[in-house]
PDB file of N, CA and C in Angstrom:
ATOM      1  N   MET A   1      63.693  26.861 -27.627  1.00  0.00           N
ATOM      2  CA  MET A   1      63.366  27.905 -26.572  1.00  0.00           C
ATOM      3  C   MET A   1      65.238  28.154 -26.864  1.00  0.00           C
ATOM      4  N   ASN A   2      65.284  29.727 -27.084  1.00  0.00           N
ATOM      5  CA  ASN A   2      65.987  30.736 -27.029  1.00  0.00           C
ATOM      6  C   ASN A   2      66.974  31.069 -26.072  1.00  0.00           C
ATOM      7  N   ALA A   3      68.152  31.511 -25.964  1.00  0.00           N
ATOM      8  CA  ALA A   3      68.977  32.009 -24.668  1.00  0.00           C
ATOM      9  C   ALA A   3      67.902  33.333 -23.730  1.00  0.00           C
ATOM     10  N   ARG A   4      67.303  34.102 -24.901  1.00  0.00           N
ATOM     11  CA  ARG A   4      66.136  34.929 -24.240  1.00  0.00           C
ATOM     12  C   ARG A   4      65.282  34.475 -23.554  1.00  0.00           C
ATOM     13  N   GLN A   5      64.591  33.486 -24.248  1.00  0.00           N
ATOM     14  CA  GLN A   5      63.133  32.832 -23.372  1.00  0.00           C
ATOM     15  C   GLN A   5      63.628  32.535 -21.885  1.00  0.00           C
ATOM     16  N   LEU A   6      64.832  31.567 -22.541  1.00  0.00           N
ATOM     17  CA  LEU A   6      65.097  30.739 -21.019  1.00  0.00           C
ATOM     18  C   LEU A   6      65.478  31.813 -20.057  1.00  0.00           C
ATOM     19  N   SER A   7      66.101  32.776 -20.221  1.00  0.00           N
ATOM     20  CA  SER A   7      66.374  33.882 -19.252  1.00  0.00           C
ATOM     21  C   SER A   7      65.353  34.474 -18.657  1.00  0.00           C
ATOM     22  N   SER A   8      64.307  34.983 -19.606  1.00  0.00           N
ATOM     23  CA  SER A   8      63.148  35.436 -19.041  1.00  0.00           C
ATOM     24  C   SER A   8      62.314  34.212 -17.870  1.00  0.00           C
ATOM     25  N   VAL A   9      62.524  33.056 -18.338  1.00  0.00           N
ATOM     26  CA  VAL A   9      61.695  32.308 -17.498  1.00  0.00           C
ATOM     27  C   VAL A   9      62.184  31.932 -16.120  1.00  0.00           C
ATOM     28  N   ALA A  10      63.693  32.381 -16.256  1.00  0.00           N
ATOM     29  CA  ALA A  10      64.426  32.015 -14.897  1.00  0.00           C
ATOM     30  C   ALA A  10      64.338  32.865 -14.099  1.00  0.00           C
ATOM     31  N   LEU A  11      64.278  34.411 -14.213  1.00  0.00           N
ATOM     32  CA  LEU A  11      64.036  35.777 -14.139  1.00  0.00           C
ATOM     33  C   LEU A  11      62.395  35.785 -13.161  1.00  0.00           C
ATOM     34  N   VAL A  12      61.552  35.172 -13.895  1.00  0.00           N
ATOM     35  CA  VAL A  12      60.018  35.056 -13.511  1.00  0.00           C
ATOM     36  C   VAL A  12      59.940  34.343 -12.358  1.00  0.00           C
ATOM     37  N   ALA A  13      60.864  32.796 -12.687  1.00  0.00           N
ATOM     38  CA  ALA A  13      61.029  31.704 -11.418  1.00  0.00           C
ATOM     39  C   ALA A  13      61.544  32.467 -10.325  1.00  0.00           C
ATOM     40  N   MET A  14      62.542  33.189 -10.328  1.00  0.00           N
ATOM     41  CA  MET A  14      63.465  33.824  -9.301  1.00  0.00           C
ATOM     42  C   MET A  14      62.426  34.474  -8.955  1.00  0.00           C
ATOM     43  N   ALA A  15      61.632  35.374  -9.167  1.00  0.00           N
ATOM     44  CA  ALA A  15      61.057  36.569  -8.746  1.00  0.00           C
ATOM     45  C   ALA A  15      59.734  36.107  -8.631  1.00  0.00           C
ATOM     46  N   ILE A  16      59.497  34.671  -8.708  1.00  0.00           N
ATOM     47  CA  ILE A  16      58.219  34.349  -8.000  1.00  0.00           C
ATOM     48  C   ILE A  16      58.817  33.659  -6.352  1.00  0.00           C
ATOM     49  N   ALA A  17      59.683  32.788  -6.586  1.00  0.00           N
ATOM     50  CA  ALA A  17      60.444  32.270  -5.663  1.00  0.00           C
ATOM     51  C   ALA A  17      60.571  33.096  -4.213  1.00  0.00           C
ATOM     52  N   THR A  18      60.804  34.207  -4.711  1.00  0.00           N
ATOM     53  CA  THR A  18      61.405  35.557  -3.464  1.00  0.00           C
ATOM     54  C   THR A  18      59.989  35.940  -2.933  1.00  0.00           C
ATOM     55  N   VAL A  19      59.155  35.952  -3.546  1.00  0.00           N
ATOM     56  CA  VAL A  19      57.897  37.128  -3.045  1.00  0.00           C
ATOM     57  C   VAL A  19      57.192  35.699  -1.992  1.00  0.00           C
ATOM     58  N   PRO A  20      57.408  36.449  -0.717  1.00  0.00           N
ATOM     59  CA  PRO A  20      56.400  35.890   0.644  1.00  0.00           C
ATOM     60  C   PRO A  20      55.161  35.407   0.159  1.00  0.00           C
ATOM     61  N   GLY A  21      55.196  34.585   0.719  1.00  0.00           N
ATOM     62  CA  GLY A  21      53.710  34.137   0.557  1.00  0.00           C
ATOM     63  C   GLY A  21      52.322  34.838   1.653  1.00  0.00           C
ATOM     64  N   CYS A  22      51.264  34.868   1.136  1.00  0.00           N
ATOM     65  CA  CYS A  22      50.198  35.550   1.832  1.00  0.00           C
ATOM     66  C   CYS A  22      49.647  34.227   2.677  1.00  0.00           C
ATOM     67  N   GLY A  23      49.849  33.658   3.639  1.00  0.00           N
ATOM     68  CA  GLY A  23      48.981  32.681   4.271  1.00  0.00           C
ATOM     69  C   GLY A  23      47.999  33.418   5.195  1.00  0.00           C
ATOM     70  N   ASP A  24      46.937  32.770   5.799  1.00  0.00           N
ATOM     71  CA  ASP A  24      46.010  32.966   6.469  1.00  0.00           C
ATOM     72  C   ASP A  24      46.311  32.706   7.827  1.00  0.00           C
ATOM     73  N   LYS A  25      47.312  33.575   8.411  1.00  0.00           N
ATOM     74  CA  LYS A  25      47.897  33.425   9.688  1.00  0.00           C
ATOM     75  C   LYS A  25      47.146  34.531  10.620  1.00  0.00           C
ATOM     76  N   PRO A  26      46.615  34.396  11.730  1.00  0.00           N
ATOM     77  CA  PRO A  26      46.105  35.393  12.304  1.00  0.00           C
ATOM     78  C   PRO A  26      47.194  36.054  12.812  1.00  0.00           C
ATOM     79  N   GLU A  27      46.821  37.352  13.006  1.00  0.00           N
ATOM     80  CA  GLU A  27      47.659  38.028  13.664  1.00  0.00           C
ATOM     81  C   GLU A  27      47.597  38.426  15.210  1.00  0.00           C
ATOM     82  N   THR A  28      48.672  38.423  16.269  1.00  0.00           N
ATOM     83  CA  THR A  28      48.865  38.199  17.481  1.00  0.00           C
ATOM     84  C   THR A  28      49.342  39.597  17.577  1.00  0.00           C
ATOM     85  N   LYS A  29      48.625  40.095  18.824  1.00  0.00           N
ATOM     86  CA  LYS A  29      48.924  41.386  19.190  1.00  0.00           C
ATOM     87  C   LYS A  29      49.392  41.366  20.303  1.00  0.00           C
ATOM     88  N   ASN A  30      50.786  41.886  20.562  1.00  0.00           N
ATOM     89  CA  ASN A  30      51.466  41.444  22.098  1.00  0.00           C
ATOM     90  C   ASN A  30      50.956  40.503  22.438  1.00  0.00           C
ATOM     91  N   PRO A  31      51.620  39.344  22.276  1.00  0.00           N
ATOM     92  CA  PRO A  31      51.877  38.388  22.641  1.00  0.00           C
ATOM     93  C   PRO A  31      52.095  38.446  24.262  1.00  0.00           C
ATOM     94  N   VAL A  32      51.626  37.194  24.859  1.00  0.00           N
ATOM     95  CA  VAL A  32      51.704  37.132  26.117  1.00  0.00           C
ATOM     96  C   VAL A  32      52.847  36.298  26.898  1.00  0.00           C
ATOM     97  N   ALA A  33      53.938  36.626  27.885  1.00  0.00           N
ATOM     98  CA  ALA A  33      54.642  35.538  28.064  1.00  0.00           C
ATOM     99  C   ALA A  33      54.041  34.096  28.788  1.00  0.00           C
ATOM    100  N   SER A  34      52.979  34.464  29.453  1.00  0.00           N
ATOM    101  CA  SER A  34      52.169  33.540  29.885  1.00  0.00           C
ATOM    102  C   SER A  34      50.408  33.997  30.001  1.00  0.00           C
ATOM    103  N   PRO A  35      49.775  32.781  30.506  1.00  0.00           N
ATOM    104  CA  PRO A  35      48.668  33.290  30.786  1.00  0.00           C
ATOM    105  C   PRO A  35      48.321  33.970  31.841  1.00  0.00           C
ATOM    106  N   ALA A  36      48.891  33.810  33.232  1.00  0.00           N
ATOM    107  CA  ALA A  36      48.972  34.715  34.167  1.00  0.00           C
ATOM    108  C   ALA A  36      48.909  36.243  34.103  1.00  0.00           C
ATOM    109  N   CYS A  37      50.305  36.310  33.015  1.00  0.00           N
ATOM    110  CA  CYS A  37      50.746  37.860  32.978  1.00  0.00           C
ATOM    111  C   CYS A  37      49.548  38.557  31.952  1.00  0.00           C
ATOM    112  N   ALA A  38      48.524  37.672  31.536  1.00  0.00           N
ATOM    113  CA  ALA A  38      47.584  38.583  30.982  1.00  0.00           C
ATOM    114  C   ALA A  38      46.680  39.018  32.075  1.00  0.00           C
ATOM    115  N   ASP A  39      46.296  38.385  33.089  1.00  0.00           N
ATOM    116  CA  ASP A  39      45.411  38.716  34.183  1.00  0.00           C
ATOM    117  C   ASP A  39      46.447  39.668  35.061  1.00  0.00           C
ATOM    118  N   LEU A  40      47.303  40.487  34.696  1.00  0.00           N
ATOM    119  CA  LEU A  40      48.062  41.143  35.742  1.00  0.00           C
ATOM    120  C   LEU A  40      47.124  42.170  36.482  1.00  0.00           C
ATOM    121  N   ASP A  41      46.315  43.034  35.162  1.00  0.00           N
ATOM    122  CA  ASP A  41      45.557  44.207  35.525  1.00  0.00           C
ATOM    123  C   ASP A  41      44.260  43.645  36.499  1.00  0.00           C
ATOM    124  N   LYS A  42      44.037  42.568  36.506  1.00  0.00           N
ATOM    125  CA  LYS A  42      43.010  42.215  37.331  1.00  0.00           C
ATOM    126  C   LYS A  42      43.176  41.673  38.622  1.00  0.00           C
ATOM    127  N   VAL A  43      44.490  41.299  38.930  1.00  0.00           N
ATOM    128  CA  VAL A  43      44.784  41.269  40.297  1.00  0.00           C
ATOM    129  C   VAL A  43      44.903  42.387  40.883  1.00  0.00           C
ATOM    130  N   GLN A  44      43.812  42.237  42.484  1.00  0.00           N
ATOM    131  CA  GLN A  44      44.273  43.014  43.362  1.00  0.00           C
ATOM    132  C   GLN A  44      44.949  43.027  44.467  1.00  0.00           C
ATOM    133  N   ASP A  45      45.432  41.888  44.974  1.00  0.00           N
ATOM    134  CA  ASP A  45      46.458  41.387  46.196  1.00  0.00           C
ATOM    135  C   ASP A  45      47.657  41.906  45.554  1.00  0.00           C
ATOM    136  N   PRO A  46      48.442  42.704  46.789  1.00  0.00           N
ATOM    137  CA  PRO A  46      49.912  43.327  46.201  1.00  0.00           C
ATOM    138  C   PRO A  46      51.133  42.377  46.401  1.00  0.00           C
ATOM    139  N   ALA A  47      50.765  41.399  47.314  1.00  0.00           N
ATOM    140  CA  ALA A  47      51.765  40.527  47.459  1.00  0.00           C
ATOM    141  C   ALA A  47      51.773  39.795  46.068  1.00  0.00           C
ATOM    142  N   GLN A  48      50.363  38.963  45.493  1.00  0.00           N
ATOM    143  CA  GLN A  48      50.212  38.339  44.016  1.00  0.00           C
ATOM    144  C   GLN A  48      51.256  39.432  42.901  1.00  0.00           C
ATOM    145  N   ARG A  49      50.426  40.496  43.060  1.00  0.00           N
ATOM    146  CA  ARG A  49      50.523  41.073  41.818  1.00  0.00           C
ATOM    147  C   ARG A  49      52.470  41.147  41.843  1.00  0.00           C
ATOM    148  N   ALA A  50      53.048  41.133  42.944  1.00  0.00           N
ATOM    149  CA  ALA A  50      54.367  41.431  42.995  1.00  0.00           C
ATOM    150  C   ALA A  50      55.309  40.311  42.825  1.00  0.00           C
ATOM    151  N   GLU A  51      54.655  39.325  42.904  1.00  0.00           N
ATOM    152  CA  GLU A  51      55.145  38.019  42.490  1.00  0.00           C
ATOM    153  C   GLU A  51      54.854  37.910  40.793  1.00  0.00           C
ATOM    154  N   LEU A  52      53.676  38.548  40.215  1.00  0.00           N
ATOM    155  CA  LEU A  52      53.606  38.279  38.622  1.00  0.00           C
ATOM    156  C   LEU A  52      54.503  39.224  38.136  1.00  0.00           C
ATOM    157  N   LEU A  53      54.893  40.522  38.708  1.00  0.00           N
ATOM    158  CA  LEU A  53      55.483  41.196  38.031  1.00  0.00           C
ATOM    159  C   LEU A  53      56.787  41.171  38.203  1.00  0.00           C
ATOM    160  N   ASP A  54      57.646  40.201  39.180  1.00  0.00           N
ATOM    161  CA  ASP A  54      58.850  39.447  39.093  1.00  0.00           C
ATOM    162  C   ASP A  54      58.813  38.620  37.644  1.00  0.00           C
ATOM    163  N   LYS A  55      58.106  38.136  37.306  1.00  0.00           N
ATOM    164  CA  LYS A  55      57.842  37.042  36.405  1.00  0.00           C
ATOM    165  C   LYS A  55      57.779  37.447  35.349  1.00  0.00           C
ATOM    166  N   CYS A  56      56.947  38.396  34.762  1.00  0.00           N
ATOM    167  CA  CYS A  56      55.956  38.580  33.782  1.00  0.00           C
ATOM    168  C   CYS A  56      57.245  39.736  33.321  1.00  0.00           C
ATOM    169  N   PRO A  57      57.345  39.871  31.607  1.00  0.00           N
ATOM    170  CA  PRO A  57      58.404  40.655  31.162  1.00  0.00           C
ATOM    171  C   PRO A  57      57.738  42.491  31.084  1.00  0.00           C
ATOM    172  N   ARG A  58      58.367  43.181  31.762  1.00  0.00           N
ATOM    173  CA  ARG A  58      57.989  44.579  31.393  1.00  0.00           C
ATOM    174  C   ARG A  58      57.448  45.071  30.422  1.00  0.00           C
ATOM    175  N   GLN A  59      56.153  45.720  29.857  1.00  0.00           N
ATOM    176  CA  GLN A  59      56.059  46.309  28.672  1.00  0.00           C
ATOM    177  C   GLN A  59      55.455  47.523  28.932  1.00  0.00           C
ATOM    178  N   GLY A  60      56.109  48.774  27.576  1.00  0.00           N
ATOM    179  CA  GLY A  60      55.710  50.124  27.861  1.00  0.00           C
ATOM    180  C   GLY A  60      56.653  50.592  28.916  1.00  0.00           C
ATOM    181  N   GLU A  61      57.689  50.071  29.229  1.00  0.00           N
ATOM    182  CA  GLU A  61      58.473  50.753  30.457  1.00  0.00           C
ATOM    183  C   GLU A  61      59.508  51.736  29.480  1.00  0.00           C
ATOM    184  N   PHE A  62      59.317  52.908  29.804  1.00  0.00           N
ATOM    185  CA  PHE A  62      60.382  53.917  29.060  1.00  0.00           C
ATOM    186  C   PHE A  62      61.624  54.156  29.932  1.00  0.00           C
ATOM    187  N   LYS A  63      62.563  54.211  28.978  1.00  0.00           N
ATOM    188  CA  LYS A  63      64.002  54.106  29.244  1.00  0.00           C
ATOM    189  C   LYS A  63      64.794  55.017  28.485  1.00  0.00           C
ATOM    190  N   PRO A  64      64.911  56.144  28.904  1.00  0.00           N
ATOM    191  CA  PRO A  64      65.381  57.348  27.976  1.00  0.00           C
ATOM    192  C   PRO A  64      66.522  57.356  27.705  1.00  0.00           C
ATOM    193  N   SER A  65      67.374  57.682  26.619  1.00  0.00           N
ATOM    194  CA  SER A  65      68.860  57.273  26.351  1.00  0.00           C
ATOM    195  C   SER A  65      69.441  58.452  26.838  1.00  0.00           C
ATOM    196  N   GLN A  66      70.969  58.357  26.664  1.00  0.00           N
ATOM    197  CA  GLN A  66      71.706  59.576  26.856  1.00  0.00           C
ATOM    198  C   GLN A  66      71.824  60.868  26.003  1.00  0.00           C
ATOM    199  N   GLN A  67      71.739  61.815  26.544  1.00  0.00           N
ATOM    200  CA  GLN A  67      71.594  62.846  25.552  1.00  0.00           C
ATOM    201  C   GLN A  67      72.859  63.081  24.644  1.00  0.00           C
ATOM    202  N   LYS A  68      72.670  63.267  23.619  1.00  0.00           N
ATOM    203  CA  LYS A  68      73.845  63.331  22.547  1.00  0.00           C
ATOM    204  C   LYS A  68      73.936  64.835  22.003  1.00  0.00           C
ATOM    205  N   ALA A  69      75.117  65.411  21.810  1.00  0.00           N
ATOM    206  CA  ALA A  69      75.466  66.690  21.282  1.00  0.00           C
ATOM    207  C   ALA A  69      76.118  66.461  19.889  1.00  0.00           C
ATOM    208  N   TRP A  70      75.114  66.216  18.753  1.00  0.00           N
ATOM    209  CA  TRP A  70      75.416  66.038  17.633  1.00  0.00           C
ATOM    210  C   TRP A  70      76.228  67.387  17.138  1.00  0.00           C
TER     211      TRP A  70
END
């Protein structure tokens, strides 16, 4: 095996090693911090809802940035 073939084999081996594998991992959309947070929309009691809102991270909250004059 000459140097050219050896470098080609090494290059192919490095390319294969850097390509991420395609596993059968299920996609999770918007993971929930706790199961209680998933039921937040179903809670009707205001006191219980306020308690859950304090414990669960907020999603979809819009916080505008400062205006910039470029």
